[in-house]
Amino acid sequence: MDFASRYSDIILKKIMAKIQKDKKAKARAELVKIETAETGTGVRTSRHWKTAANIEFYYKEIQKGFEEMRELDRQTGWSKKLHQDRFKFTEKYKEILDEYMEGSGATKGAKQ
């Protein structure tokens, strides 16, 4: 019995939820960075540089999440099973799924 295949939908949902959370946090950090960069004095603040570091951190976390999706797909082939009811939740994460499909070179036919 292969647990990764059996629970791939649950694992994938957790990964996608984390990617979505990290994308929102990165977007908020980008807004703060833009806000602090409006003046020359804002760029010299620790808030600005901490925000810049946060943006980099969230970017790396998002990329790590997509790498985890690729590894899970390699092990279980979930991207070819999206028609199954257990993967219905992917409709909620359509933007992330589309980004994964273009980045992984997967065909749009795999969604059917």
PDB file of N, CA and C in Angstrom:
ATOM      1  N   MET A   1       0.840  -1.174   0.000  1.00  0.00           N
ATOM      2  CA  MET A   1       0.000   0.000   0.000  1.00  0.00           C
ATOM      3  C   MET A   1       0.891   1.245   0.000  1.00  0.00           C
ATOM      4  N   ASP A   2       0.653   2.119  -0.943  1.00  0.00           N
ATOM      5  CA  ASP A   2       1.458   3.320  -1.080  1.00  0.00           C
ATOM      6  C   ASP A   2       0.709   4.497  -0.451  1.00  0.00           C
ATOM      7  N   PHE A   3       1.177   4.939   0.701  1.00  0.00           N
ATOM      8  CA  PHE A   3       0.493   6.016   1.423  1.00  0.00           C
ATOM      9  C   PHE A   3       0.536   7.334   0.670  1.00  0.00           C
ATOM     10  N   ALA A   4       1.634   7.608  -0.033  1.00  0.00           N
ATOM     11  CA  ALA A   4       1.723   8.864  -0.790  1.00  0.00           C
ATOM     12  C   ALA A   4       0.622   8.931  -1.840  1.00  0.00           C
ATOM     13  N   SER A   5       0.367   7.827  -2.526  1.00  0.00           N
ATOM     14  CA  SER A   5      -0.698   7.810  -3.536  1.00  0.00           C
ATOM     15  C   SER A   5      -2.077   7.908  -2.897  1.00  0.00           C
ATOM     16  N   ARG A   6      -2.246   7.186  -1.803  1.00  0.00           N
ATOM     17  CA  ARG A   6      -3.545   7.166  -1.146  1.00  0.00           C
ATOM     18  C   ARG A   6      -3.922   8.545  -0.601  1.00  0.00           C
ATOM     19  N   TYR A   7      -2.967   9.251  -0.046  1.00  0.00           N
ATOM     20  CA  TYR A   7      -3.244  10.534   0.594  1.00  0.00           C
ATOM     21  C   TYR A   7      -2.702  11.724  -0.203  1.00  0.00           C
ATOM     22  N   SER A   8      -2.461  11.535  -1.482  1.00  0.00           N
ATOM     23  CA  SER A   8      -1.893  12.615  -2.296  1.00  0.00           C
ATOM     24  C   SER A   8      -2.801  13.834  -2.347  1.00  0.00           C
ATOM     25  N   ASP A   9      -4.113  13.629  -2.301  1.00  0.00           N
ATOM     26  CA  ASP A   9      -5.026  14.770  -2.326  1.00  0.00           C
ATOM     27  C   ASP A   9      -4.884  15.624  -1.064  1.00  0.00           C
ATOM     28  N   ILE A  10      -4.735  14.994   0.081  1.00  0.00           N
ATOM     29  CA  ILE A  10      -4.595  15.726   1.345  1.00  0.00           C
ATOM     30  C   ILE A  10      -3.254  16.455   1.391  1.00  0.00           C
ATOM     31  N   ILE A  11      -2.209  15.770   0.968  1.00  0.00           N
ATOM     32  CA  ILE A  11      -0.878  16.371   0.940  1.00  0.00           C
ATOM     33  C   ILE A  11      -0.869  17.566  -0.009  1.00  0.00           C
ATOM     34  N   LEU A  12      -1.442  17.376  -1.192  1.00  0.00           N
ATOM     35  CA  LEU A  12      -1.478  18.449  -2.186  1.00  0.00           C
ATOM     36  C   LEU A  12      -2.259  19.651  -1.671  1.00  0.00           C
ATOM     37  N   LYS A  13      -3.368  19.407  -0.992  1.00  0.00           N
ATOM     38  CA  LYS A  13      -4.179  20.502  -0.458  1.00  0.00           C
ATOM     39  C   LYS A  13      -3.375  21.319   0.550  1.00  0.00           C
ATOM     40  N   LYS A  14      -2.623  20.649   1.412  1.00  0.00           N
ATOM     41  CA  LYS A  14      -1.791  21.345   2.401  1.00  0.00           C
ATOM     42  C   LYS A  14      -0.715  22.183   1.704  1.00  0.00           C
ATOM     43  N   ILE A  15      -0.080  21.614   0.689  1.00  0.00           N
ATOM     44  CA  ILE A  15       0.964  22.341  -0.040  1.00  0.00           C
ATOM     45  C   ILE A  15       0.375  23.580  -0.724  1.00  0.00           C
ATOM     46  N   MET A  16      -0.769  23.401  -1.388  1.00  0.00           N
ATOM     47  CA  MET A  16      -1.390  24.522  -2.101  1.00  0.00           C
ATOM     48  C   MET A  16      -1.854  25.609  -1.130  1.00  0.00           C
ATOM     49  N   ALA A  17      -2.373  25.220   0.022  1.00  0.00           N
ATOM     50  CA  ALA A  17      -2.810  26.203   1.018  1.00  0.00           C
ATOM     51  C   ALA A  17      -1.613  27.013   1.521  1.00  0.00           C
ATOM     52  N   LYS A  18      -0.485  26.346   1.721  1.00  0.00           N
ATOM     53  CA  LYS A  18       0.721  27.046   2.179  1.00  0.00           C
ATOM     54  C   LYS A  18       1.227  27.997   1.110  1.00  0.00           C
ATOM     55  N   ILE A  19       1.214  27.576  -0.148  1.00  0.00           N
ATOM     56  CA  ILE A  19       1.642  28.455  -1.234  1.00  0.00           C
ATOM     57  C   ILE A  19       0.746  29.691  -1.286  1.00  0.00           C
ATOM     58  N   GLN A  20      -0.564  29.489  -1.164  1.00  0.00           N
ATOM     59  CA  GLN A  20      -1.493  30.624  -1.212  1.00  0.00           C
ATOM     60  C   GLN A  20      -1.242  31.588  -0.046  1.00  0.00           C
ATOM     61  N   LYS A  21      -1.004  31.044   1.145  1.00  0.00           N
ATOM     62  CA  LYS A  21      -0.724  31.872   2.320  1.00  0.00           C
ATOM     63  C   LYS A  21       0.573  32.664   2.117  1.00  0.00           C
ATOM     64  N   ASP A  22       1.600  32.010   1.586  1.00  0.00           N
ATOM     65  CA  ASP A  22       2.868  32.680   1.346  1.00  0.00           C
ATOM     66  C   ASP A  22       2.750  33.753   0.263  1.00  0.00           C
ATOM     67  N   LYS A  23       1.933  33.501  -0.756  1.00  0.00           N
ATOM     68  CA  LYS A  23       1.722  34.507  -1.809  1.00  0.00           C
ATOM     69  C   LYS A  23       1.048  35.756  -1.234  1.00  0.00           C
ATOM     70  N   LYS A  24       0.071  35.565  -0.365  1.00  0.00           N
ATOM     71  CA  LYS A  24      -0.607  36.711   0.264  1.00  0.00           C
ATOM     72  C   LYS A  24       0.368  37.492   1.141  1.00  0.00           C
ATOM     73  N   ALA A  25       1.178  36.793   1.911  1.00  0.00           N
ATOM     74  CA  ALA A  25       2.144  37.455   2.786  1.00  0.00           C
ATOM     75  C   ALA A  25       3.178  38.217   1.958  1.00  0.00           C
ATOM     76  N   LYS A  26       3.607  37.634   0.851  1.00  0.00           N
ATOM     77  CA  LYS A  26       4.571  38.296  -0.024  1.00  0.00           C
ATOM     78  C   LYS A  26       3.954  39.558  -0.631  1.00  0.00           C
ATOM     79  N   ALA A  27       2.699  39.490  -1.040  1.00  0.00           N
ATOM     80  CA  ALA A  27       2.023  40.655  -1.611  1.00  0.00           C
ATOM     81  C   ALA A  27       1.908  41.778  -0.578  1.00  0.00           C
ATOM     82  N   ARG A  28       1.572  41.423   0.663  1.00  0.00           N
ATOM     83  CA  ARG A  28       1.497  42.436   1.724  1.00  0.00           C
ATOM     84  C   ARG A  28       2.865  43.072   1.958  1.00  0.00           C
ATOM     85  N   ALA A  29       3.907  42.249   1.975  1.00  0.00           N
ATOM     86  CA  ALA A  29       5.263  42.757   2.185  1.00  0.00           C
ATOM     87  C   ALA A  29       5.684  43.683   1.036  1.00  0.00           C
ATOM     88  N   GLU A  30       5.283  43.339  -0.185  1.00  0.00           N
ATOM     89  CA  GLU A  30       5.612  44.202  -1.322  1.00  0.00           C
ATOM     90  C   GLU A  30       4.942  45.561  -1.199  1.00  0.00           C
ATOM     91  N   LEU A  31       3.704  45.586  -0.682  1.00  0.00           N
ATOM     92  CA  LEU A  31       3.014  46.861  -0.473  1.00  0.00           C
ATOM     93  C   LEU A  31       3.740  47.717   0.561  1.00  0.00           C
ATOM     94  N   VAL A  32       4.194  47.093   1.635  1.00  0.00           N
ATOM     95  CA  VAL A  32       4.930  47.823   2.668  1.00  0.00           C
ATOM     96  C   VAL A  32       6.240  48.349   2.091  1.00  0.00           C
ATOM     97  N   LYS A  33       6.915  47.547   1.302  1.00  0.00           N
ATOM     98  CA  LYS A  33       8.182  47.982   0.714  1.00  0.00           C
ATOM     99  C   LYS A  33       7.964  49.181  -0.201  1.00  0.00           C
ATOM    100  N   ILE A  34       6.923  49.146  -1.004  1.00  0.00           N
ATOM    101  CA  ILE A  34       6.610  50.267  -1.893  1.00  0.00           C
ATOM    102  C   ILE A  34       6.295  51.511  -1.065  1.00  0.00           C
ATOM    103  N   GLU A  35       5.538  51.313  -0.006  1.00  0.00           N
ATOM    104  CA  GLU A  35       5.167  52.426   0.867  1.00  0.00           C
ATOM    105  C   GLU A  35       6.404  53.070   1.496  1.00  0.00           C
ATOM    106  N   THR A  36       7.339  52.258   1.957  1.00  0.00           N
ATOM    107  CA  THR A  36       8.539  52.809   2.595  1.00  0.00           C
ATOM    108  C   THR A  36       9.537  53.349   1.581  1.00  0.00           C
ATOM    109  N   ALA A  37       9.414  52.945   0.339  1.00  0.00           N
ATOM    110  CA  ALA A  37      10.360  53.405  -0.686  1.00  0.00           C
ATOM    111  C   ALA A  37       9.921  54.721  -1.326  1.00  0.00           C
ATOM    112  N   GLU A  38       8.765  55.230  -0.929  1.00  0.00           N
ATOM    113  CA  GLU A  38       8.270  56.470  -1.536  1.00  0.00           C
ATOM    114  C   GLU A  38       9.167  57.659  -1.236  1.00  0.00           C
ATOM    115  N   THR A  39       9.807  57.638  -0.089  1.00  0.00           N
ATOM    116  CA  THR A  39      10.717  58.729   0.255  1.00  0.00           C
ATOM    117  C   THR A  39      12.119  58.166   0.428  1.00  0.00           C
ATOM    118  N   GLY A  40      13.082  58.989   0.254  1.00  0.00           N
ATOM    119  CA  GLY A  40      14.472  58.563   0.425  1.00  0.00           C
ATOM    120  C   GLY A  40      14.775  58.151   1.843  1.00  0.00           C
ATOM    121  N   THR A  41      14.110  58.784   2.803  1.00  0.00           N
ATOM    122  CA  THR A  41      14.372  58.427   4.201  1.00  0.00           C
ATOM    123  C   THR A  41      13.753  57.078   4.556  1.00  0.00           C
ATOM    124  N   GLY A  42      12.672  56.708   3.892  1.00  0.00           N
ATOM    125  CA  GLY A  42      12.017  55.424   4.168  1.00  0.00           C
ATOM    126  C   GLY A  42      12.882  54.237   3.809  1.00  0.00           C
ATOM    127  N   VAL A  43      13.715  54.404   2.779  1.00  0.00           N
ATOM    128  CA  VAL A  43      14.583  53.310   2.334  1.00  0.00           C
ATOM    129  C   VAL A  43      15.665  53.017   3.369  1.00  0.00           C
ATOM    130  N   ARG A  44      15.986  53.997   4.172  1.00  0.00           N
ATOM    131  CA  ARG A  44      17.043  53.808   5.172  1.00  0.00           C
ATOM    132  C   ARG A  44      16.526  53.217   6.484  1.00  0.00           C
ATOM    133  N   THR A  45      15.245  52.887   6.540  1.00  0.00           N
ATOM    134  CA  THR A  45      14.688  52.351   7.783  1.00  0.00           C
ATOM    135  C   THR A  45      14.840  50.837   7.844  1.00  0.00           C
ATOM    136  N   SER A  46      14.846  50.338   9.053  1.00  0.00           N
ATOM    137  CA  SER A  46      14.945  48.886   9.227  1.00  0.00           C
ATOM    138  C   SER A  46      13.661  48.202   8.751  1.00  0.00           C
ATOM    139  N   ARG A  47      12.536  48.922   8.848  1.00  0.00           N
ATOM    140  CA  ARG A  47      11.263  48.359   8.366  1.00  0.00           C
ATOM    141  C   ARG A  47      11.351  48.020   6.881  1.00  0.00           C
ATOM    142  N   HIS A  48      11.950  48.912   6.112  1.00  0.00           N
ATOM    143  CA  HIS A  48      12.086  48.694   4.665  1.00  0.00           C
ATOM    144  C   HIS A  48      12.939  47.457   4.391  1.00  0.00           C
ATOM    145  N   TRP A  49      14.069  47.347   5.041  1.00  0.00           N
ATOM    146  CA  TRP A  49      14.985  46.234   4.760  1.00  0.00           C
ATOM    147  C   TRP A  49      14.476  44.914   5.320  1.00  0.00           C
ATOM    148  N   LYS A  50      13.758  44.973   6.427  1.00  0.00           N
ATOM    149  CA  LYS A  50      13.142  43.756   6.953  1.00  0.00           C
ATOM    150  C   LYS A  50      12.068  43.269   5.973  1.00  0.00           C
ATOM    151  N   THR A  51      11.321  44.197   5.421  1.00  0.00           N
ATOM    152  CA  THR A  51      10.301  43.843   4.438  1.00  0.00           C
ATOM    153  C   THR A  51      10.936  43.248   3.189  1.00  0.00           C
ATOM    154  N   ALA A  52      12.046  43.825   2.749  1.00  0.00           N
ATOM    155  CA  ALA A  52      12.753  43.285   1.579  1.00  0.00           C
ATOM    156  C   ALA A  52      13.205  41.849   1.851  1.00  0.00           C
ATOM    157  N   ALA A  53      13.688  41.590   3.053  1.00  0.00           N
ATOM    158  CA  ALA A  53      14.108  40.231   3.422  1.00  0.00           C
ATOM    159  C   ALA A  53      12.903  39.295   3.466  1.00  0.00           C
ATOM    160  N   ASN A  54      11.759  39.798   3.948  1.00  0.00           N
ATOM    161  CA  ASN A  54      10.549  38.977   3.987  1.00  0.00           C
ATOM    162  C   ASN A  54      10.087  38.594   2.587  1.00  0.00           C
ATOM    163  N   ILE A  55      10.173  39.527   1.652  1.00  0.00           N
ATOM    164  CA  ILE A  55       9.779  39.241   0.271  1.00  0.00           C
ATOM    165  C   ILE A  55      10.634  38.107  -0.283  1.00  0.00           C
ATOM    166  N   GLU A  56      11.930  38.183  -0.046  1.00  0.00           N
ATOM    167  CA  GLU A  56      12.837  37.131  -0.513  1.00  0.00           C
ATOM    168  C   GLU A  56      12.516  35.791   0.152  1.00  0.00           C
ATOM    169  N   PHE A  57      12.238  35.836   1.459  1.00  0.00           N
ATOM    170  CA  PHE A  57      11.899  34.618   2.195  1.00  0.00           C
ATOM    171  C   PHE A  57      10.646  33.970   1.620  1.00  0.00           C
ATOM    172  N   TYR A  58       9.575  34.760   1.421  1.00  0.00           N
ATOM    173  CA  TYR A  58       8.327  34.207   0.903  1.00  0.00           C
ATOM    174  C   TYR A  58       8.486  33.700  -0.522  1.00  0.00           C
ATOM    175  N   TYR A  59       9.296  34.359  -1.314  1.00  0.00           N
ATOM    176  CA  TYR A  59       9.554  33.886  -2.675  1.00  0.00           C
ATOM    177  C   TYR A  59      10.175  32.482  -2.622  1.00  0.00           C
ATOM    178  N   LYS A  60      11.158  32.304  -1.754  1.00  0.00           N
ATOM    179  CA  LYS A  60      11.810  30.994  -1.623  1.00  0.00           C
ATOM    180  C   LYS A  60      10.828  29.933  -1.120  1.00  0.00           C
ATOM    181  N   GLU A  61       9.960  30.307  -0.185  1.00  0.00           N
ATOM    182  CA  GLU A  61       8.961  29.367   0.330  1.00  0.00           C
ATOM    183  C   GLU A  61       7.975  28.950  -0.762  1.00  0.00           C
ATOM    184  N   ILE A  62       7.579  29.899  -1.601  1.00  0.00           N
ATOM    185  CA  ILE A  62       6.663  29.594  -2.704  1.00  0.00           C
ATOM    186  C   ILE A  62       7.327  28.637  -3.681  1.00  0.00           C
ATOM    187  N   GLN A  63       8.589  28.905  -4.007  1.00  0.00           N
ATOM    188  CA  GLN A  63       9.309  28.025  -4.922  1.00  0.00           C
ATOM    189  C   GLN A  63       9.482  26.629  -4.324  1.00  0.00           C
ATOM    190  N   LYS A  64       9.725  26.565  -3.024  1.00  0.00           N
ATOM    191  CA  LYS A  64       9.845  25.271  -2.345  1.00  0.00           C
ATOM    192  C   LYS A  64       8.515  24.517  -2.419  1.00  0.00           C
ATOM    193  N   GLY A  65       7.407  25.222  -2.274  1.00  0.00           N
ATOM    194  CA  GLY A  65       6.092  24.604  -2.377  1.00  0.00           C
ATOM    195  C   GLY A  65       5.849  24.012  -3.757  1.00  0.00           C
ATOM    196  N   PHE A  66       6.229  24.752  -4.806  1.00  0.00           N
ATOM    197  CA  PHE A  66       6.073  24.222  -6.163  1.00  0.00           C
ATOM    198  C   PHE A  66       6.985  23.014  -6.387  1.00  0.00           C
ATOM    199  N   GLU A  67       8.147  23.030  -5.782  1.00  0.00           N
ATOM    200  CA  GLU A  67       9.049  21.875  -5.886  1.00  0.00           C
ATOM    201  C   GLU A  67       8.426  20.655  -5.189  1.00  0.00           C
ATOM    202  N   GLU A  68       7.785  20.879  -4.056  1.00  0.00           N
ATOM    203  CA  GLU A  68       7.095  19.780  -3.365  1.00  0.00           C
ATOM    204  C   GLU A  68       5.953  19.238  -4.216  1.00  0.00           C
ATOM    205  N   MET A  69       5.236  20.136  -4.907  1.00  0.00           N
ATOM    206  CA  MET A  69       4.164  19.687  -5.802  1.00  0.00           C
ATOM    207  C   MET A  69       4.736  18.826  -6.923  1.00  0.00           C
ATOM    208  N   ARG A  70       5.872  19.246  -7.486  1.00  0.00           N
ATOM    209  CA  ARG A  70       6.508  18.466  -8.559  1.00  0.00           C
ATOM    210  C   ARG A  70       6.927  17.082  -8.068  1.00  0.00           C
ATOM    211  N   GLU A  71       7.504  17.035  -6.865  1.00  0.00           N
ATOM    212  CA  GLU A  71       7.942  15.753  -6.305  1.00  0.00           C
ATOM    213  C   GLU A  71       6.746  14.837  -6.039  1.00  0.00           C
ATOM    214  N   LEU A  72       5.680  15.395  -5.484  1.00  0.00           N
ATOM    215  CA  LEU A  72       4.471  14.602  -5.241  1.00  0.00           C
ATOM    216  C   LEU A  72       3.886  14.112  -6.564  1.00  0.00           C
ATOM    217  N   ASP A  73       3.907  14.948  -7.579  1.00  0.00           N
ATOM    218  CA  ASP A  73       3.402  14.565  -8.901  1.00  0.00           C
ATOM    219  C   ASP A  73       4.265  13.446  -9.493  1.00  0.00           C
ATOM    220  N   ARG A  74       5.561  13.561  -9.302  1.00  0.00           N
ATOM    221  CA  ARG A  74       6.467  12.522  -9.810  1.00  0.00           C
ATOM    222  C   ARG A  74       6.175  11.182  -9.136  1.00  0.00           C
ATOM    223  N   GLN A  75       5.895  11.215  -7.841  1.00  0.00           N
ATOM    224  CA  GLN A  75       5.649   9.988  -7.086  1.00  0.00           C
ATOM    225  C   GLN A  75       4.250   9.418  -7.309  1.00  0.00           C
ATOM    226  N   THR A  76       3.249  10.291  -7.464  1.00  0.00           N
ATOM    227  CA  THR A  76       1.867   9.812  -7.484  1.00  0.00           C
ATOM    228  C   THR A  76       1.112  10.086  -8.777  1.00  0.00           C
ATOM    229  N   GLY A  77       1.592  11.012  -9.609  1.00  0.00           N
ATOM    230  CA  GLY A  77       0.898  11.342 -10.844  1.00  0.00           C
ATOM    231  C   GLY A  77      -0.425  12.049 -10.625  1.00  0.00           C
ATOM    232  N   TRP A  78      -0.530  12.864  -9.569  1.00  0.00           N
ATOM    233  CA  TRP A  78      -1.800  13.519  -9.238  1.00  0.00           C
ATOM    234  C   TRP A  78      -2.294  14.444 -10.350  1.00  0.00           C
ATOM    235  N   SER A  79      -1.391  15.032 -11.133  1.00  0.00           N
ATOM    236  CA  SER A  79      -1.829  15.994 -12.157  1.00  0.00           C
ATOM    237  C   SER A  79      -2.624  15.329 -13.278  1.00  0.00           C
ATOM    238  N   LYS A  80      -2.519  14.020 -13.387  1.00  0.00           N
ATOM    239  CA  LYS A  80      -3.298  13.285 -14.396  1.00  0.00           C
ATOM    240  C   LYS A  80      -4.623  12.768 -13.812  1.00  0.00           C
ATOM    241  N   LYS A  81      -4.832  13.024 -12.526  1.00  0.00           N
ATOM    242  CA  LYS A  81      -6.034  12.520 -11.850  1.00  0.00           C
ATOM    243  C   LYS A  81      -6.949  13.651 -11.395  1.00  0.00           C
ATOM    244  N   LEU A  82      -6.791  14.831 -11.942  1.00  0.00           N
ATOM    245  CA  LEU A  82      -7.558  15.986 -11.478  1.00  0.00           C
ATOM    246  C   LEU A  82      -9.053  15.858 -11.745  1.00  0.00           C
ATOM    247  N   HIS A  83      -9.438  14.930 -12.604  1.00  0.00           N
ATOM    248  CA  HIS A  83     -10.860  14.713 -12.883  1.00  0.00           C
ATOM    249  C   HIS A  83     -11.569  14.000 -11.719  1.00  0.00           C
ATOM    250  N   GLN A  84     -10.812  13.400 -10.823  1.00  0.00           N
ATOM    251  CA  GLN A  84     -11.400  12.672  -9.699  1.00  0.00           C
ATOM    252  C   GLN A  84     -11.986  13.652  -8.678  1.00  0.00           C
ATOM    253  N   ASP A  85     -13.053  13.223  -8.027  1.00  0.00           N
ATOM    254  CA  ASP A  85     -13.733  14.075  -7.043  1.00  0.00           C
ATOM    255  C   ASP A  85     -12.818  14.489  -5.894  1.00  0.00           C
ATOM    256  N   ARG A  86     -11.892  13.647  -5.518  1.00  0.00           N
ATOM    257  CA  ARG A  86     -11.038  13.976  -4.374  1.00  0.00           C
ATOM    258  C   ARG A  86     -10.106  15.151  -4.655  1.00  0.00           C
ATOM    259  N   PHE A  87      -9.953  15.506  -5.941  1.00  0.00           N
ATOM    260  CA  PHE A  87      -9.120  16.656  -6.310  1.00  0.00           C
ATOM    261  C   PHE A  87      -9.968  17.871  -6.679  1.00  0.00           C
ATOM    262  N   LYS A  88     -11.232  17.854  -6.328  1.00  0.00           N
ATOM    263  CA  LYS A  88     -12.149  18.958  -6.643  1.00  0.00           C
ATOM    264  C   LYS A  88     -11.697  20.270  -5.995  1.00  0.00           C
ATOM    265  N   PHE A  89     -11.007  20.181  -4.862  1.00  0.00           N
ATOM    266  CA  PHE A  89     -10.543  21.370  -4.150  1.00  0.00           C
ATOM    267  C   PHE A  89      -9.579  22.217  -4.981  1.00  0.00           C
ATOM    268  N   THR A  90      -8.972  21.633  -6.012  1.00  0.00           N
ATOM    269  CA  THR A  90      -8.002  22.386  -6.822  1.00  0.00           C
ATOM    270  C   THR A  90      -8.651  23.558  -7.545  1.00  0.00           C
ATOM    271  N   GLU A  91      -9.987  23.531  -7.686  1.00  0.00           N
ATOM    272  CA  GLU A  91     -10.682  24.664  -8.298  1.00  0.00           C
ATOM    273  C   GLU A  91     -10.495  25.929  -7.456  1.00  0.00           C
ATOM    274  N   LYS A  92     -10.380  25.775  -6.154  1.00  0.00           N
ATOM    275  CA  LYS A  92     -10.161  26.900  -5.245  1.00  0.00           C
ATOM    276  C   LYS A  92      -8.761  27.499  -5.453  1.00  0.00           C
ATOM    277  N   TYR A  93      -7.829  26.674  -5.878  1.00  0.00           N
ATOM    278  CA  TYR A  93      -6.440  27.096  -6.065  1.00  0.00           C
ATOM    279  C   TYR A  93      -6.080  27.151  -7.551  1.00  0.00           C
ATOM    280  N   LYS A  94      -7.012  27.602  -8.377  1.00  0.00           N
ATOM    281  CA  LYS A  94      -6.839  27.588  -9.830  1.00  0.00           C
ATOM    282  C   LYS A  94      -5.577  28.332 -10.274  1.00  0.00           C
ATOM    283  N   GLU A  95      -5.319  29.497  -9.675  1.00  0.00           N
ATOM    284  CA  GLU A  95      -4.142  30.287 -10.047  1.00  0.00           C
ATOM    285  C   GLU A  95      -2.848  29.511  -9.772  1.00  0.00           C
ATOM    286  N   ILE A  96      -2.785  28.864  -8.632  1.00  0.00           N
ATOM    287  CA  ILE A  96      -1.597  28.082  -8.275  1.00  0.00           C
ATOM    288  C   ILE A  96      -1.470  26.879  -9.201  1.00  0.00           C
ATOM    289  N   LEU A  97      -2.572  26.210  -9.475  1.00  0.00           N
ATOM    290  CA  LEU A  97      -2.552  25.050 -10.364  1.00  0.00           C
ATOM    291  C   LEU A  97      -2.108  25.453 -11.770  1.00  0.00           C
ATOM    292  N   ASP A  98      -2.630  26.571 -12.270  1.00  0.00           N
ATOM    293  CA  ASP A  98      -2.232  27.036 -13.602  1.00  0.00           C
ATOM    294  C   ASP A  98      -0.741  27.359 -13.645  1.00  0.00           C
ATOM    295  N   GLU A  99      -0.251  28.009 -12.600  1.00  0.00           N
ATOM    296  CA  GLU A  99       1.176  28.330 -12.534  1.00  0.00           C
ATOM    297  C   GLU A  99       2.018  27.054 -12.500  1.00  0.00           C
ATOM    298  N   TYR A 100       1.549  26.054 -11.764  1.00  0.00           N
ATOM    299  CA  TYR A 100       2.258  24.776 -11.707  1.00  0.00           C
ATOM    300  C   TYR A 100       2.280  24.106 -13.081  1.00  0.00           C
ATOM    301  N   MET A 101       1.115  24.091 -13.739  1.00  0.00           N
ATOM    302  CA  MET A 101       1.013  23.424 -15.033  1.00  0.00           C
ATOM    303  C   MET A 101       1.906  24.082 -16.078  1.00  0.00           C
ATOM    304  N   GLU A 102       1.989  25.428 -16.069  1.00  0.00           N
ATOM    305  CA  GLU A 102       2.882  26.058 -17.053  1.00  0.00           C
ATOM    306  C   GLU A 102       4.334  25.840 -16.703  1.00  0.00           C
ATOM    307  N   GLY A 103       4.658  25.893 -15.416  1.00  0.00           N
ATOM    308  CA  GLY A 103       6.042  25.737 -14.987  1.00  0.00           C
ATOM    309  C   GLY A 103       6.563  24.325 -15.119  1.00  0.00           C
ATOM    310  N   SER A 104       5.698  23.339 -14.967  1.00  0.00           N
ATOM    311  CA  SER A 104       6.160  21.960 -15.006  1.00  0.00           C
ATOM    312  C   SER A 104       6.162  21.391 -16.425  1.00  0.00           C
ATOM    313  N   GLY A 105       5.597  22.138 -17.360  1.00  0.00           N
ATOM    314  CA  GLY A 105       5.540  21.649 -18.718  1.00  0.00           C
ATOM    315  C   GLY A 105       4.439  20.623 -18.923  1.00  0.00           C
ATOM    316  N   ALA A 106       3.577  20.488 -17.916  1.00  0.00           N
ATOM    317  CA  ALA A 106       2.459  19.552 -18.034  1.00  0.00           C
ATOM    318  C   ALA A 106       1.495  20.071 -19.090  1.00  0.00           C
ATOM    319  N   THR A 107       0.865  19.175 -19.763  1.00  0.00           N
ATOM    320  CA  THR A 107      -0.062  19.571 -20.816  1.00  0.00           C
ATOM    321  C   THR A 107      -1.400  19.933 -20.220  1.00  0.00           C
ATOM    322  N   LYS A 108      -2.139  20.764 -20.893  1.00  0.00           N
ATOM    323  CA  LYS A 108      -3.474  21.130 -20.431  1.00  0.00           C
ATOM    324  C   LYS A 108      -4.393  19.904 -20.498  1.00  0.00           C
ATOM    325  N   GLY A 109      -4.049  18.919 -21.305  1.00  0.00           N
ATOM    326  CA  GLY A 109      -4.852  17.696 -21.394  1.00  0.00           C
ATOM    327  C   GLY A 109      -4.851  16.915 -20.093  1.00  0.00           C
ATOM    328  N   ALA A 110      -3.850  17.127 -19.256  1.00  0.00           N
ATOM    329  CA  ALA A 110      -3.786  16.434 -17.992  1.00  0.00           C
ATOM    330  C   ALA A 110      -4.889  16.888 -17.053  1.00  0.00           C
ATOM    331  N   LYS A 111      -5.461  18.060 -17.301  1.00  0.00           N
ATOM    332  CA  LYS A 111      -6.522  18.568 -16.442  1.00  0.00           C
ATOM    333  C   LYS A 111      -7.846  17.866 -16.694  1.00  0.00           C
ATOM    334  N   GLN A 112      -8.022  17.269 -17.834  1.00  0.00           N
ATOM    335  CA  GLN A 112      -9.306  16.690 -18.187  1.00  0.00           C
ATOM    336  C   GLN A 112      -9.639  15.468 -17.382  1.00  0.00           C
TER     337      GLN A 112
END
